[in-house]
Protein backbone atom coordinates (compact mmCIF):
# COMPACT_ATOMS: atom_id res chain seq x y z
CA MET A 1 91.38 94.56 45.77
CA PRO A 2 88.11 95.08 47.18
CA ILE A 3 87.56 96.88 50.38
CA SER A 4 85.99 94.17 51.86
CA THR A 5 88.26 91.68 50.95
CA ILE A 6 91.01 93.48 52.60
CA VAL A 7 88.45 93.35 55.59
CA ILE A 8 87.27 89.38 55.41
CA ILE A 9 91.68 89.13 55.11
CA VAL A 10 91.97 91.62 58.64
CA LEU A 11 88.76 89.77 60.15
CA ILE A 12 89.89 86.07 59.23
CA LEU A 13 93.88 87.08 61.30
CA VAL A 14 92.20 88.87 64.33
CA LEU A 15 90.22 85.52 64.67
CA ILE A 16 93.04 83.27 64.41
CA GLY A 17 94.89 86.18 66.11
CA ALA A 18 91.99 85.47 69.21
CA VAL A 19 92.03 81.76 70.51
CA PRO A 20 93.14 81.63 74.05
CA ALA A 21 96.75 79.67 72.63
CA TRP A 22 99.10 80.98 74.60
CA PRO A 23 99.66 81.29 78.48
CA HIS A 24 98.16 84.83 79.54
CA SER A 25 94.96 84.46 76.99
CA ARG A 26 93.94 80.52 78.32
CA SER A 27 91.60 82.65 81.30
CA TRP A 28 89.89 84.59 78.63
CA GLY A 29 87.83 81.35 77.17
CA TYR A 30 86.33 81.49 73.48
CA GLY A 31 84.66 84.53 74.17
CA PRO A 32 86.83 86.68 72.37
CA ALA A 33 86.84 83.86 69.31
CA GLY A 34 83.69 84.00 69.35
CA ILE A 35 82.58 87.53 68.93
CA ILE A 36 84.93 88.00 65.99
CA GLY A 37 83.49 85.19 64.78
CA ALA A 38 80.29 86.75 65.47
CA VAL A 39 81.54 89.27 63.52
CA LEU A 40 83.27 88.07 60.24
CA VAL A 41 79.32 85.53 60.33
CA ILE A 42 77.67 88.82 59.93
CA VAL A 43 80.28 90.16 57.26
CA LEU A 44 80.71 87.50 55.37
CA VAL A 45 76.28 87.15 54.39
CA LEU A 46 76.17 91.02 53.98
CA LEU A 47 79.30 90.49 51.33
CA LEU A 48 77.15 87.65 50.27
CA MET A 49 74.20 89.59 49.42
CA GLY A 50 76.01 92.97 47.93
CA ARG A 51 75.99 95.38 51.05
CA ILE A 52 79.07 95.47 51.18
């Protein structure tokens, strides 16, 4: 399994975990999920361009 596939899977799991669904993280808003989502989009674009 290539390292890029592992990185994408980990980023998707972190993105799901960053959604403010728990009482202690509701005050965070969507900031953490937005940042991780942006990183995921960048990694996907680099993967499609063949740079990873």
